[in-house]
Amino acid sequence: MKARVTVTLKSGILDPQGKAIEGALRSLGVAGIASVRQGKVFDIELDGGDRAQAEALLKQAADKLLANTVIENYRVEVLG
């Protein structure tokens, strides 16, 4: 079974890396960029076929390791 955990900064948290990317895009002449916020994506393969159990396991992994829940949000998607 494949899954994806997407981790992003909570709104209101400063994102210096996103600001640096935004500035770099502008300096490269990419027009129309209003703002950039960066994040992390984890593509994970799991054994077994129980979607509910996989989702619970991934939420536990995100809470304990993949995300800093003080400043980051995460989304778990079980893809199949």
Protein backbone atom coordinates (compact mmCIF):
# COMPACT_ATOMS: atom_id res chain seq x y z
CA MET A 1 0.00 0.00 0.00
CA LYS A 2 1.29 3.47 -0.85
CA ALA A 3 0.74 6.62 1.14
CA ARG A 4 1.82 10.24 1.20
CA VAL A 5 2.33 12.51 4.21
CA THR A 6 2.50 16.21 3.36
CA VAL A 7 3.92 18.54 6.02
CA THR A 8 3.53 22.33 5.81
CA LEU A 9 4.13 25.23 8.15
CA LYS A 10 1.09 26.52 10.01
CA SER A 11 -0.20 29.88 8.84
CA GLY A 12 1.40 32.71 10.77
CA ILE A 13 4.72 30.87 11.08
CA LEU A 14 7.53 32.67 9.26
CA ASP A 15 8.96 30.75 6.30
CA PRO A 16 12.43 32.09 5.49
CA GLN A 17 13.12 29.31 2.97
CA GLY A 18 9.88 30.11 1.16
CA LYS A 19 10.85 33.81 1.08
CA ALA A 20 14.29 32.91 -0.34
CA ILE A 21 12.66 30.79 -3.06
CA GLU A 22 10.23 33.61 -3.81
CA GLY A 23 13.12 36.08 -4.22
CA ALA A 24 15.08 33.65 -6.39
CA LEU A 25 12.09 33.12 -8.69
CA ARG A 26 11.67 36.86 -9.09
CA SER A 27 15.39 37.31 -9.83
CA LEU A 28 15.08 34.61 -12.51
CA GLY A 29 12.32 36.63 -14.16
CA VAL A 30 9.41 34.38 -13.19
CA ALA A 31 6.48 36.81 -13.16
CA GLY A 32 3.26 36.64 -11.19
CA ILE A 33 4.58 34.98 -8.02
CA ALA A 34 2.70 36.44 -5.05
CA SER A 35 4.27 34.29 -2.32
CA VAL A 36 5.92 30.92 -1.73
CA ARG A 37 5.63 28.58 1.26
CA GLN A 38 7.68 25.42 1.30
CA GLY A 39 7.00 22.05 2.89
CA LYS A 40 7.96 18.39 2.90
CA VAL A 41 6.45 15.34 1.21
CA PHE A 42 7.03 11.77 2.38
CA ASP A 43 6.05 8.94 0.01
CA ILE A 44 5.77 5.79 2.10
CA GLU A 45 5.11 2.16 1.17
CA LEU A 46 3.37 0.02 3.79
CA ASP A 47 2.81 -3.69 4.23
CA GLY A 48 -0.77 -4.87 4.54
CA GLY A 49 -4.06 -3.71 3.09
CA ASP A 50 -6.02 -2.21 5.99
CA ARG A 51 -6.50 1.47 5.09
CA ALA A 52 -7.74 2.54 8.53
CA GLN A 53 -4.78 0.89 10.25
CA ALA A 54 -2.35 2.42 7.74
CA GLU A 55 -3.80 5.89 8.29
CA ALA A 56 -3.56 5.51 12.07
CA LEU A 57 0.04 4.31 11.79
CA LEU A 58 1.00 7.23 9.56
CA LYS A 59 -0.65 9.78 11.86
CA GLN A 60 1.36 8.32 14.73
CA ALA A 61 4.56 8.56 12.65
CA ALA A 62 3.79 12.18 11.73
CA ASP A 63 3.04 13.13 15.34
CA LYS A 64 6.23 11.51 16.63
CA LEU A 65 8.78 12.18 13.88
CA LEU A 66 7.73 13.54 10.51
CA ALA A 67 6.20 16.84 11.67
CA ASN A 68 6.88 19.33 14.42
CA THR A 69 3.24 19.74 15.42
CA VAL A 70 3.96 22.96 17.30
CA ILE A 71 4.68 24.81 14.04
CA GLU A 72 3.62 22.38 11.28
CA ASN A 73 0.43 20.78 9.99
CA TYR A 74 0.34 17.46 8.16
CA ARG A 75 -2.02 15.63 5.83
CA VAL A 76 -2.08 11.84 5.42
CA GLU A 77 -3.27 10.31 2.15
CA VAL A 78 -3.51 6.54 1.71
CA LEU A 79 -3.21 6.11 -2.05
CA GLY A 80 -3.86 2.40 -2.39
